[in-house]
Amino acid sequence: MQTTQSIENINNTINSNLCVIVYFSAPTCNVCYALKPKLLEALDSNFEDFKIESVDILKQEDIAPFFGVYAIPTVLIFLDGKEFFRKSRNISVSEVINEIKRPYEIMTS
């Protein structure tokens, strides 16, 4: 049985991992589902230690407003428990990778 995703669970993931991405989407968003596999593949190829949390805003309606997310898709990157990068709607995979590459390398070296 899968545990129910909650704000507390996501905050625990953020606070107990060095690098976390929280990806907000909805089943009705075609861009969300086209972008997600590309983004996850790029993260997997470029970074060893990234924990991924996916939030379906239709199933977990309280989580997006808690994080100040009001558009989809939205990507939040947390490094060492602090929000480092936020991007909504027009998300470029290469932009996300370029934004986090240097700080990630510094943190993990």
PDB file of N, CA and C in Angstrom:
ATOM      1  N   MET A   1       0.833  -1.186   0.000  1.00  0.00           N
ATOM      2  CA  MET A   1       0.000   0.000   0.000  1.00  0.00           C
ATOM      3  C   MET A   1       0.879   1.252   0.000  1.00  0.00           C
ATOM      4  N   GLN A   2       0.553   2.204  -0.852  1.00  0.00           N
ATOM      5  CA  GLN A   2       1.332   3.435  -0.968  1.00  0.00           C
ATOM      6  C   GLN A   2       0.867   4.427   0.097  1.00  0.00           C
ATOM      7  N   THR A   3       1.836   5.104   0.724  1.00  0.00           N
ATOM      8  CA  THR A   3       1.474   6.094   1.725  1.00  0.00           C
ATOM      9  C   THR A   3       0.946   7.347   1.047  1.00  0.00           C
ATOM     10  N   THR A   4       0.045   8.034   1.723  1.00  0.00           N
ATOM     11  CA  THR A   4      -0.531   9.251   1.186  1.00  0.00           C
ATOM     12  C   THR A   4       0.491  10.375   1.280  1.00  0.00           C
ATOM     13  N   GLN A   5       0.640  11.080   0.191  1.00  0.00           N
ATOM     14  CA  GLN A   5       1.575  12.192   0.150  1.00  0.00           C
ATOM     15  C   GLN A   5       0.981  13.357   0.937  1.00  0.00           C
ATOM     16  N   SER A   6       1.812  14.024   1.711  1.00  0.00           N
ATOM     17  CA  SER A   6       1.344  15.144   2.511  1.00  0.00           C
ATOM     18  C   SER A   6       2.427  16.220   2.559  1.00  0.00           C
ATOM     19  N   ILE A   7       2.040  17.389   3.043  1.00  0.00           N
ATOM     20  CA  ILE A   7       3.003  18.470   3.223  1.00  0.00           C
ATOM     21  C   ILE A   7       4.109  18.014   4.170  1.00  0.00           C
ATOM     22  N   GLU A   8       3.720  17.333   5.236  1.00  0.00           N
ATOM     23  CA  GLU A   8       4.697  16.851   6.212  1.00  0.00           C
ATOM     24  C   GLU A   8       5.691  15.877   5.576  1.00  0.00           C
ATOM     25  N   ASN A   9       5.194  14.946   4.747  1.00  0.00           N
ATOM     26  CA  ASN A   9       6.077  13.985   4.080  1.00  0.00           C
ATOM     27  C   ASN A   9       7.054  14.692   3.138  1.00  0.00           C
ATOM     28  N   ILE A  10       6.561  15.662   2.381  1.00  0.00           N
ATOM     29  CA  ILE A  10       7.427  16.383   1.450  1.00  0.00           C
ATOM     30  C   ILE A  10       8.462  17.195   2.219  1.00  0.00           C
ATOM     31  N   ASN A  11       8.038  17.865   3.286  1.00  0.00           N
ATOM     32  CA  ASN A  11       8.996  18.626   4.106  1.00  0.00           C
ATOM     33  C   ASN A  11      10.039  17.703   4.724  1.00  0.00           C
ATOM     34  N   ASN A  12       9.644  16.508   5.145  1.00  0.00           N
ATOM     35  CA  ASN A  12      10.609  15.539   5.674  1.00  0.00           C
ATOM     36  C   ASN A  12      11.619  15.149   4.607  1.00  0.00           C
ATOM     37  N   THR A  13      11.149  14.927   3.383  1.00  0.00           N
ATOM     38  CA  THR A  13      12.049  14.596   2.276  1.00  0.00           C
ATOM     39  C   THR A  13      13.019  15.747   2.027  1.00  0.00           C
ATOM     40  N   ILE A  14      12.506  16.971   2.003  1.00  0.00           N
ATOM     41  CA  ILE A  14      13.344  18.152   1.759  1.00  0.00           C
ATOM     42  C   ILE A  14      14.407  18.293   2.845  1.00  0.00           C
ATOM     43  N   ASN A  15      14.004  18.094   4.087  1.00  0.00           N
ATOM     44  CA  ASN A  15      14.924  18.315   5.209  1.00  0.00           C
ATOM     45  C   ASN A  15      15.885  17.167   5.455  1.00  0.00           C
ATOM     46  N   SER A  16      15.615  15.990   4.898  1.00  0.00           N
ATOM     47  CA  SER A  16      16.495  14.848   5.153  1.00  0.00           C
ATOM     48  C   SER A  16      17.322  14.432   3.932  1.00  0.00           C
ATOM     49  N   ASN A  17      17.272  15.221   2.858  1.00  0.00           N
ATOM     50  CA  ASN A  17      18.054  14.933   1.658  1.00  0.00           C
ATOM     51  C   ASN A  17      18.775  16.197   1.206  1.00  0.00           C
ATOM     52  N   LEU A  18      19.952  16.005   0.637  1.00  0.00           N
ATOM     53  CA  LEU A  18      20.750  17.145   0.185  1.00  0.00           C
ATOM     54  C   LEU A  18      20.100  17.868  -0.993  1.00  0.00           C
ATOM     55  N   CYS A  19      19.557  17.105  -1.933  1.00  0.00           N
ATOM     56  CA  CYS A  19      18.996  17.682  -3.146  1.00  0.00           C
ATOM     57  C   CYS A  19      17.623  17.075  -3.427  1.00  0.00           C
ATOM     58  N   VAL A  20      16.624  17.935  -3.576  1.00  0.00           N
ATOM     59  CA  VAL A  20      15.250  17.474  -3.801  1.00  0.00           C
ATOM     60  C   VAL A  20      14.612  18.322  -4.888  1.00  0.00           C
ATOM     61  N   ILE A  21      13.888  17.660  -5.774  1.00  0.00           N
ATOM     62  CA  ILE A  21      13.052  18.360  -6.741  1.00  0.00           C
ATOM     63  C   ILE A  21      11.601  18.013  -6.414  1.00  0.00           C
ATOM     64  N   VAL A  22      10.751  19.041  -6.385  1.00  0.00           N
ATOM     65  CA  VAL A  22       9.316  18.824  -6.215  1.00  0.00           C
ATOM     66  C   VAL A  22       8.678  19.285  -7.515  1.00  0.00           C
ATOM     67  N   TYR A  23       7.998  18.350  -8.175  1.00  0.00           N
ATOM     68  CA  TYR A  23       7.417  18.600  -9.499  1.00  0.00           C
ATOM     69  C   TYR A  23       5.905  18.626  -9.365  1.00  0.00           C
ATOM     70  N   PHE A  24       5.296  19.766  -9.655  1.00  0.00           N
ATOM     71  CA  PHE A  24       3.850  19.941  -9.549  1.00  0.00           C
ATOM     72  C   PHE A  24       3.226  19.817 -10.936  1.00  0.00           C
ATOM     73  N   SER A  25       2.197  18.973 -11.033  1.00  0.00           N
ATOM     74  CA  SER A  25       1.530  18.765 -12.315  1.00  0.00           C
ATOM     75  C   SER A  25       0.087  18.327 -12.068  1.00  0.00           C
ATOM     76  N   ALA A  26      -0.614  18.074 -13.162  1.00  0.00           N
ATOM     77  CA  ALA A  26      -1.979  17.551 -13.107  1.00  0.00           C
ATOM     78  C   ALA A  26      -2.199  16.664 -14.323  1.00  0.00           C
ATOM     79  N   PRO A  27      -3.079  15.675 -14.205  1.00  0.00           N
ATOM     80  CA  PRO A  27      -3.330  14.768 -15.331  1.00  0.00           C
ATOM     81  C   PRO A  27      -3.875  15.479 -16.568  1.00  0.00           C
ATOM     82  N   THR A  28      -4.481  16.635 -16.389  1.00  0.00           N
ATOM     83  CA  THR A  28      -5.051  17.376 -17.512  1.00  0.00           C
ATOM     84  C   THR A  28      -4.029  18.242 -18.234  1.00  0.00           C
ATOM     85  N   CYS A  29      -2.796  18.264 -17.752  1.00  0.00           N
ATOM     86  CA  CYS A  29      -1.745  19.117 -18.313  1.00  0.00           C
ATOM     87  C   CYS A  29      -0.836  18.289 -19.220  1.00  0.00           C
ATOM     88  N   ASN A  30      -0.989  18.462 -20.526  1.00  0.00           N
ATOM     89  CA  ASN A  30      -0.163  17.713 -21.480  1.00  0.00           C
ATOM     90  C   ASN A  30       1.306  18.103 -21.399  1.00  0.00           C
ATOM     91  N   VAL A  31       1.584  19.386 -21.182  1.00  0.00           N
ATOM     92  CA  VAL A  31       2.963  19.855 -21.067  1.00  0.00           C
ATOM     93  C   VAL A  31       3.639  19.185 -19.872  1.00  0.00           C
ATOM     94  N   CYS A  32       2.898  19.077 -18.757  1.00  0.00           N
ATOM     95  CA  CYS A  32       3.445  18.457 -17.545  1.00  0.00           C
ATOM     96  C   CYS A  32       3.954  17.047 -17.826  1.00  0.00           C
ATOM     97  N   TYR A  33       3.169  16.289 -18.538  1.00  0.00           N
ATOM     98  CA  TYR A  33       3.529  14.891 -18.772  1.00  0.00           C
ATOM     99  C   TYR A  33       4.533  14.711 -19.891  1.00  0.00           C
ATOM    100  N   ALA A  34       4.653  15.684 -20.769  1.00  0.00           N
ATOM    101  CA  ALA A  34       5.711  15.634 -21.787  1.00  0.00           C
ATOM    102  C   ALA A  34       7.048  16.039 -21.179  1.00  0.00           C
ATOM    103  N   LEU A  35       7.016  16.999 -20.271  1.00  0.00           N
ATOM    104  CA  LEU A  35       8.235  17.525 -19.673  1.00  0.00           C
ATOM    105  C   LEU A  35       8.833  16.590 -18.622  1.00  0.00           C
ATOM    106  N   LYS A  36       8.000  15.978 -17.813  1.00  0.00           N
ATOM    107  CA  LYS A  36       8.481  15.215 -16.663  1.00  0.00           C
ATOM    108  C   LYS A  36       9.512  14.141 -17.020  1.00  0.00           C
ATOM    109  N   PRO A  37       9.270  13.250 -17.976  1.00  0.00           N
ATOM    110  CA  PRO A  37      10.290  12.227 -18.267  1.00  0.00           C
ATOM    111  C   PRO A  37      11.607  12.817 -18.764  1.00  0.00           C
ATOM    112  N   LYS A  38      11.530  13.893 -19.536  1.00  0.00           N
ATOM    113  CA  LYS A  38      12.755  14.543 -20.026  1.00  0.00           C
ATOM    114  C   LYS A  38      13.543  15.145 -18.873  1.00  0.00           C
ATOM    115  N   LEU A  39      12.844  15.793 -17.961  1.00  0.00           N
ATOM    116  CA  LEU A  39      13.491  16.413 -16.814  1.00  0.00           C
ATOM    117  C   LEU A  39      14.105  15.354 -15.899  1.00  0.00           C
ATOM    118  N   LEU A  40      13.365  14.299 -15.623  1.00  0.00           N
ATOM    119  CA  LEU A  40      13.868  13.244 -14.752  1.00  0.00           C
ATOM    120  C   LEU A  40      15.072  12.538 -15.364  1.00  0.00           C
ATOM    121  N   GLU A  41      15.046  12.325 -16.653  1.00  0.00           N
ATOM    122  CA  GLU A  41      16.183  11.703 -17.345  1.00  0.00           C
ATOM    123  C   GLU A  41      17.421  12.600 -17.261  1.00  0.00           C
ATOM    124  N   ALA A  42      17.223  13.906 -17.467  1.00  0.00           N
ATOM    125  CA  ALA A  42      18.342  14.845 -17.389  1.00  0.00           C
ATOM    126  C   ALA A  42      18.914  14.914 -15.978  1.00  0.00           C
ATOM    127  N   LEU A  43      18.061  14.914 -14.978  1.00  0.00           N
ATOM    128  CA  LEU A  43      18.533  14.921 -13.583  1.00  0.00           C
ATOM    129  C   LEU A  43      19.310  13.652 -13.283  1.00  0.00           C
ATOM    130  N   ASP A  44      18.785  12.529 -13.729  1.00  0.00           N
ATOM    131  CA  ASP A  44      19.434  11.240 -13.496  1.00  0.00           C
ATOM    132  C   ASP A  44      20.796  11.173 -14.185  1.00  0.00           C
ATOM    133  N   SER A  45      20.904  11.750 -15.371  1.00  0.00           N
ATOM    134  CA  SER A  45      22.159  11.735 -16.126  1.00  0.00           C
ATOM    135  C   SER A  45      23.213  12.668 -15.549  1.00  0.00           C
ATOM    136  N   ASN A  46      22.773  13.766 -14.941  1.00  0.00           N
ATOM    137  CA  ASN A  46      23.708  14.795 -14.493  1.00  0.00           C
ATOM    138  C   ASN A  46      24.002  14.803 -12.998  1.00  0.00           C
ATOM    139  N   PHE A  47      23.109  14.212 -12.223  1.00  0.00           N
ATOM    140  CA  PHE A  47      23.254  14.290 -10.773  1.00  0.00           C
ATOM    141  C   PHE A  47      23.005  12.930 -10.145  1.00  0.00           C
ATOM    142  N   GLU A  48      23.866  12.581  -9.216  1.00  0.00           N
ATOM    143  CA  GLU A  48      23.784  11.272  -8.571  1.00  0.00           C
ATOM    144  C   GLU A  48      22.720  11.224  -7.479  1.00  0.00           C
ATOM    145  N   ASP A  49      22.650  12.270  -6.684  1.00  0.00           N
ATOM    146  CA  ASP A  49      21.808  12.268  -5.490  1.00  0.00           C
ATOM    147  C   ASP A  49      20.676  13.271  -5.562  1.00  0.00           C
ATOM    148  N   PHE A  50      19.645  12.979  -6.308  1.00  0.00           N
ATOM    149  CA  PHE A  50      18.486  13.857  -6.342  1.00  0.00           C
ATOM    150  C   PHE A  50      17.265  13.054  -5.966  1.00  0.00           C
ATOM    151  N   LYS A  51      16.583  13.486  -4.938  1.00  0.00           N
ATOM    152  CA  LYS A  51      15.324  12.861  -4.522  1.00  0.00           C
ATOM    153  C   LYS A  51      14.201  13.596  -5.241  1.00  0.00           C
ATOM    154  N   ILE A  52      13.237  12.847  -5.758  1.00  0.00           N
ATOM    155  CA  ILE A  52      12.170  13.436  -6.557  1.00  0.00           C
ATOM    156  C   ILE A  52      10.824  13.222  -5.875  1.00  0.00           C
ATOM    157  N   GLU A  53      10.074  14.314  -5.747  1.00  0.00           N
ATOM    158  CA  GLU A  53       8.708  14.274  -5.239  1.00  0.00           C
ATOM    159  C   GLU A  53       7.809  14.812  -6.343  1.00  0.00           C
ATOM    160  N   SER A  54       6.786  14.059  -6.714  1.00  0.00           N
ATOM    161  CA  SER A  54       5.816  14.508  -7.710  1.00  0.00           C
ATOM    162  C   SER A  54       4.491  14.771  -7.019  1.00  0.00           C
ATOM    163  N   VAL A  55       3.908  15.922  -7.307  1.00  0.00           N
ATOM    164  CA  VAL A  55       2.648  16.298  -6.687  1.00  0.00           C
ATOM    165  C   VAL A  55       1.597  16.483  -7.774  1.00  0.00           C
ATOM    166  N   ASP A  56       0.531  15.703  -7.703  1.00  0.00           N
ATOM    167  CA  ASP A  56      -0.637  15.881  -8.562  1.00  0.00           C
ATOM    168  C   ASP A  56      -1.541  16.871  -7.836  1.00  0.00           C
ATOM    169  N   ILE A  57      -1.642  18.079  -8.358  1.00  0.00           N
ATOM    170  CA  ILE A  57      -2.371  19.129  -7.646  1.00  0.00           C
ATOM    171  C   ILE A  57      -3.870  18.861  -7.548  1.00  0.00           C
ATOM    172  N   LEU A  58      -4.381  17.953  -8.353  1.00  0.00           N
ATOM    173  CA  LEU A  58      -5.798  17.611  -8.252  1.00  0.00           C
ATOM    174  C   LEU A  58      -6.063  16.607  -7.136  1.00  0.00           C
ATOM    175  N   LYS A  59      -5.084  15.774  -6.832  1.00  0.00           N
ATOM    176  CA  LYS A  59      -5.234  14.786  -5.757  1.00  0.00           C
ATOM    177  C   LYS A  59      -4.840  15.357  -4.404  1.00  0.00           C
ATOM    178  N   GLN A  60      -3.816  16.180  -4.379  1.00  0.00           N
ATOM    179  CA  GLN A  60      -3.333  16.782  -3.137  1.00  0.00           C
ATOM    180  C   GLN A  60      -3.494  18.300  -3.234  1.00  0.00           C
ATOM    181  N   GLU A  61      -4.713  18.760  -3.073  1.00  0.00           N
ATOM    182  CA  GLU A  61      -5.048  20.165  -3.322  1.00  0.00           C
ATOM    183  C   GLU A  61      -4.401  21.137  -2.342  1.00  0.00           C
ATOM    184  N   ASP A  62      -4.008  20.692  -1.160  1.00  0.00           N
ATOM    185  CA  ASP A  62      -3.443  21.592  -0.156  1.00  0.00           C
ATOM    186  C   ASP A  62      -1.941  21.809  -0.312  1.00  0.00           C
ATOM    187  N   ILE A  63      -1.263  20.950  -1.048  1.00  0.00           N
ATOM    188  CA  ILE A  63       0.202  21.010  -1.114  1.00  0.00           C
ATOM    189  C   ILE A  63       0.692  22.182  -1.966  1.00  0.00           C
ATOM    190  N   ALA A  64       0.112  22.383  -3.147  1.00  0.00           N
ATOM    191  CA  ALA A  64       0.569  23.466  -4.033  1.00  0.00           C
ATOM    192  C   ALA A  64       0.458  24.843  -3.369  1.00  0.00           C
ATOM    193  N   PRO A  65      -0.688  25.214  -2.787  1.00  0.00           N
ATOM    194  CA  PRO A  65      -0.759  26.529  -2.137  1.00  0.00           C
ATOM    195  C   PRO A  65       0.222  26.673  -0.968  1.00  0.00           C
ATOM    196  N   PHE A  66       0.477  25.587  -0.253  1.00  0.00           N
ATOM    197  CA  PHE A  66       1.431  25.637   0.850  1.00  0.00           C
ATOM    198  C   PHE A  66       2.809  26.079   0.353  1.00  0.00           C
ATOM    199  N   PHE A  67       3.189  25.605  -0.839  1.00  0.00           N
ATOM    200  CA  PHE A  67       4.487  25.954  -1.422  1.00  0.00           C
ATOM    201  C   PHE A  67       4.400  27.182  -2.336  1.00  0.00           C
ATOM    202  N   GLY A  68       3.245  27.831  -2.392  1.00  0.00           N
ATOM    203  CA  GLY A  68       3.095  29.028  -3.218  1.00  0.00           C
ATOM    204  C   GLY A  68       3.076  28.728  -4.701  1.00  0.00           C
ATOM    205  N   VAL A  69       2.566  27.558  -5.065  1.00  0.00           N
ATOM    206  CA  VAL A  69       2.515  27.141  -6.469  1.00  0.00           C
ATOM    207  C   VAL A  69       1.090  27.320  -6.978  1.00  0.00           C
ATOM    208  N   TYR A  70       0.937  28.127  -8.036  1.00  0.00           N
ATOM    209  CA  TYR A  70      -0.393  28.406  -8.587  1.00  0.00           C
ATOM    210  C   TYR A  70      -0.456  28.202 -10.092  1.00  0.00           C
ATOM    211  N   ALA A  71       0.596  27.641 -10.680  1.00  0.00           N
ATOM    212  CA  ALA A  71       0.630  27.343 -12.112  1.00  0.00           C
ATOM    213  C   ALA A  71       1.329  26.002 -12.295  1.00  0.00           C
ATOM    214  N   ILE A  72       0.961  25.297 -13.356  1.00  0.00           N
ATOM    215  CA  ILE A  72       1.621  24.023 -13.653  1.00  0.00           C
ATOM    216  C   ILE A  72       2.097  24.032 -15.091  1.00  0.00           C
ATOM    217  N   PRO A  73       3.140  23.288 -15.389  1.00  0.00           N
ATOM    218  CA  PRO A  73       4.010  22.611 -14.440  1.00  0.00           C
ATOM    219  C   PRO A  73       4.867  23.616 -13.672  1.00  0.00           C
ATOM    220  N   THR A  74       5.225  23.234 -12.458  1.00  0.00           N
ATOM    221  CA  THR A  74       6.150  24.013 -11.645  1.00  0.00           C
ATOM    222  C   THR A  74       7.189  23.068 -11.066  1.00  0.00           C
ATOM    223  N   VAL A  75       8.432  23.529 -11.091  1.00  0.00           N
ATOM    224  CA  VAL A  75       9.550  22.774 -10.533  1.00  0.00           C
ATOM    225  C   VAL A  75      10.139  23.597  -9.388  1.00  0.00           C
ATOM    226  N   LEU A  76      10.276  22.971  -8.228  1.00  0.00           N
ATOM    227  CA  LEU A  76      10.977  23.575  -7.101  1.00  0.00           C
ATOM    228  C   LEU A  76      12.197  22.715  -6.818  1.00  0.00           C
ATOM    229  N   ILE A  77      13.355  23.341  -6.722  1.00  0.00           N
ATOM    230  CA  ILE A  77      14.584  22.635  -6.385  1.00  0.00           C
ATOM    231  C   ILE A  77      15.019  23.099  -5.000  1.00  0.00           C
ATOM    232  N   PHE A  78      15.253  22.131  -4.124  1.00  0.00           N
ATOM    233  CA  PHE A  78      15.740  22.419  -2.781  1.00  0.00           C
ATOM    234  C   PHE A  78      17.138  21.837  -2.639  1.00  0.00           C
ATOM    235  N   LEU A  79      18.072  22.676  -2.187  1.00  0.00           N
ATOM    236  CA  LEU A  79      19.434  22.232  -1.912  1.00  0.00           C
ATOM    237  C   LEU A  79      19.695  22.458  -0.426  1.00  0.00           C
ATOM    238  N   ASP A  80      20.047  21.404   0.249  1.00  0.00           N
ATOM    239  CA  ASP A  80      20.329  21.458   1.685  1.00  0.00           C
ATOM    240  C   ASP A  80      19.163  22.067   2.477  1.00  0.00           C
ATOM    241  N   GLY A  81      17.940  21.678   2.098  1.00  0.00           N
ATOM    242  CA  GLY A  81      16.746  22.084   2.827  1.00  0.00           C
ATOM    243  C   GLY A  81      16.202  23.458   2.498  1.00  0.00           C
ATOM    244  N   LYS A  82      16.853  24.184   1.585  1.00  0.00           N
ATOM    245  CA  LYS A  82      16.412  25.530   1.245  1.00  0.00           C
ATOM    246  C   LYS A  82      16.016  25.601  -0.230  1.00  0.00           C
ATOM    247  N   GLU A  83      14.936  26.340  -0.498  1.00  0.00           N
ATOM    248  CA  GLU A  83      14.527  26.495  -1.890  1.00  0.00           C
ATOM    249  C   GLU A  83      15.604  27.266  -2.639  1.00  0.00           C
ATOM    250  N   PHE A  84      16.087  26.675  -3.717  1.00  0.00           N
ATOM    251  CA  PHE A  84      17.166  27.266  -4.496  1.00  0.00           C
ATOM    252  C   PHE A  84      16.678  27.774  -5.851  1.00  0.00           C
ATOM    253  N   PHE A  85      15.713  27.074  -6.441  1.00  0.00           N
ATOM    254  CA  PHE A  85      15.296  27.381  -7.813  1.00  0.00           C
ATOM    255  C   PHE A  85      13.807  27.092  -7.943  1.00  0.00           C
ATOM    256  N   ARG A  86      13.110  27.974  -8.654  1.00  0.00           N
ATOM    257  CA  ARG A  86      11.679  27.814  -8.899  1.00  0.00           C
ATOM    258  C   ARG A  86      11.406  28.244 -10.335  1.00  0.00           C
ATOM    259  N   LYS A  87      10.688  27.407 -11.050  1.00  0.00           N
ATOM    260  CA  LYS A  87      10.332  27.745 -12.430  1.00  0.00           C
ATOM    261  C   LYS A  87       8.953  27.175 -12.731  1.00  0.00           C
ATOM    262  N   SER A  88       8.125  27.978 -13.390  1.00  0.00           N
ATOM    263  CA  SER A  88       6.769  27.561 -13.749  1.00  0.00           C
ATOM    264  C   SER A  88       6.521  27.759 -15.234  1.00  0.00           C
ATOM    265  N   ARG A  89       5.592  26.983 -15.729  1.00  0.00           N
ATOM    266  CA  ARG A  89       5.084  27.030 -17.104  1.00  0.00           C
ATOM    267  C   ARG A  89       6.128  26.748 -18.162  1.00  0.00           C
ATOM    268  N   ASN A  90       6.844  27.737 -18.644  1.00  0.00           N
ATOM    269  CA  ASN A  90       7.814  27.548 -19.723  1.00  0.00           C
ATOM    270  C   ASN A  90       9.143  27.102 -19.145  1.00  0.00           C
ATOM    271  N   ILE A  91       9.260  25.802 -18.943  1.00  0.00           N
ATOM    272  CA  ILE A  91      10.438  25.247 -18.293  1.00  0.00           C
ATOM    273  C   ILE A  91      11.342  24.601 -19.326  1.00  0.00           C
ATOM    274  N   SER A  92      12.588  25.027 -19.333  1.00  0.00           N
ATOM    275  CA  SER A  92      13.594  24.427 -20.199  1.00  0.00           C
ATOM    276  C   SER A  92      14.423  23.453 -19.369  1.00  0.00           C
ATOM    277  N   VAL A  93      14.534  22.228 -19.822  1.00  0.00           N
ATOM    278  CA  VAL A  93      15.311  21.226 -19.098  1.00  0.00           C
ATOM    279  C   VAL A  93      16.750  21.685 -18.959  1.00  0.00           C
ATOM    280  N   SER A  94      17.330  22.218 -20.024  1.00  0.00           N
ATOM    281  CA  SER A  94      18.723  22.667 -19.961  1.00  0.00           C
ATOM    282  C   SER A  94      18.890  23.829 -18.986  1.00  0.00           C
ATOM    283  N   GLU A  95      17.900  24.699 -18.893  1.00  0.00           N
ATOM    284  CA  GLU A  95      17.969  25.810 -17.942  1.00  0.00           C
ATOM    285  C   GLU A  95      17.999  25.286 -16.501  1.00  0.00           C
ATOM    286  N   VAL A  96      17.163  24.308 -16.212  1.00  0.00           N
ATOM    287  CA  VAL A  96      17.132  23.721 -14.867  1.00  0.00           C
ATOM    288  C   VAL A  96      18.484  23.097 -14.542  1.00  0.00           C
ATOM    289  N   ILE A  97      19.020  22.312 -15.472  1.00  0.00           N
ATOM    290  CA  ILE A  97      20.310  21.643 -15.255  1.00  0.00           C
ATOM    291  C   ILE A  97      21.418  22.682 -15.049  1.00  0.00           C
ATOM    292  N   ASN A  98      21.453  23.705 -15.886  1.00  0.00           N
ATOM    293  CA  ASN A  98      22.491  24.734 -15.777  1.00  0.00           C
ATOM    294  C   ASN A  98      22.406  25.516 -14.469  1.00  0.00           C
ATOM    295  N   GLU A  99      21.202  25.774 -13.998  1.00  0.00           N
ATOM    296  CA  GLU A  99      21.017  26.526 -12.751  1.00  0.00           C
ATOM    297  C   GLU A  99      21.551  25.776 -11.533  1.00  0.00           C
ATOM    298  N   ILE A 100      21.398  24.467 -11.534  1.00  0.00           N
ATOM    299  CA  ILE A 100      21.749  23.721 -10.325  1.00  0.00           C
ATOM    300  C   ILE A 100      23.091  23.001 -10.402  1.00  0.00           C
ATOM    301  N   LYS A 101      23.699  22.943 -11.580  1.00  0.00           N
ATOM    302  CA  LYS A 101      24.924  22.165 -11.751  1.00  0.00           C
ATOM    303  C   LYS A 101      26.070  22.629 -10.841  1.00  0.00           C
ATOM    304  N   ARG A 102      26.390  23.895 -10.870  1.00  0.00           N
ATOM    305  CA  ARG A 102      27.525  24.393 -10.073  1.00  0.00           C
ATOM    306  C   ARG A 102      27.275  24.273  -8.565  1.00  0.00           C
ATOM    307  N   PRO A 103      26.153  24.751  -8.048  1.00  0.00           N
ATOM    308  CA  PRO A 103      25.940  24.593  -6.599  1.00  0.00           C
ATOM    309  C   PRO A 103      25.908  23.134  -6.163  1.00  0.00           C
ATOM    310  N   TYR A 104      25.354  22.274  -7.011  1.00  0.00           N
ATOM    311  CA  TYR A 104      25.315  20.851  -6.702  1.00  0.00           C
ATOM    312  C   TYR A 104      26.730  20.281  -6.608  1.00  0.00           C
ATOM    313  N   GLU A 105      27.563  20.629  -7.575  1.00  0.00           N
ATOM    314  CA  GLU A 105      28.954  20.143  -7.575  1.00  0.00           C
ATOM    315  C   GLU A 105      29.711  20.630  -6.349  1.00  0.00           C
ATOM    316  N   ILE A 106      29.481  21.864  -5.952  1.00  0.00           N
ATOM    317  CA  ILE A 106      30.138  22.399  -4.760  1.00  0.00           C
ATOM    318  C   ILE A 106      29.669  21.643  -3.521  1.00  0.00           C
ATOM    319  N   MET A 107      28.382  21.391  -3.418  1.00  0.00           N
ATOM    320  CA  MET A 107      27.820  20.717  -2.242  1.00  0.00           C
ATOM    321  C   MET A 107      28.259  19.264  -2.129  1.00  0.00           C
ATOM    322  N   THR A 108      28.459  18.614  -3.263  1.00  0.00           N
ATOM    323  CA  THR A 108      28.749  17.190  -3.240  1.00  0.00           C
ATOM    324  C   THR A 108      30.224  16.853  -3.420  1.00  0.00           C
ATOM    325  N   SER A 109      31.070  17.865  -3.536  1.00  0.00           N
ATOM    326  CA  SER A 109      32.501  17.584  -3.723  1.00  0.00           C
ATOM    327  C   SER A 109      33.232  17.445  -2.404  1.00  0.00           C
TER     328      SER A 109
END
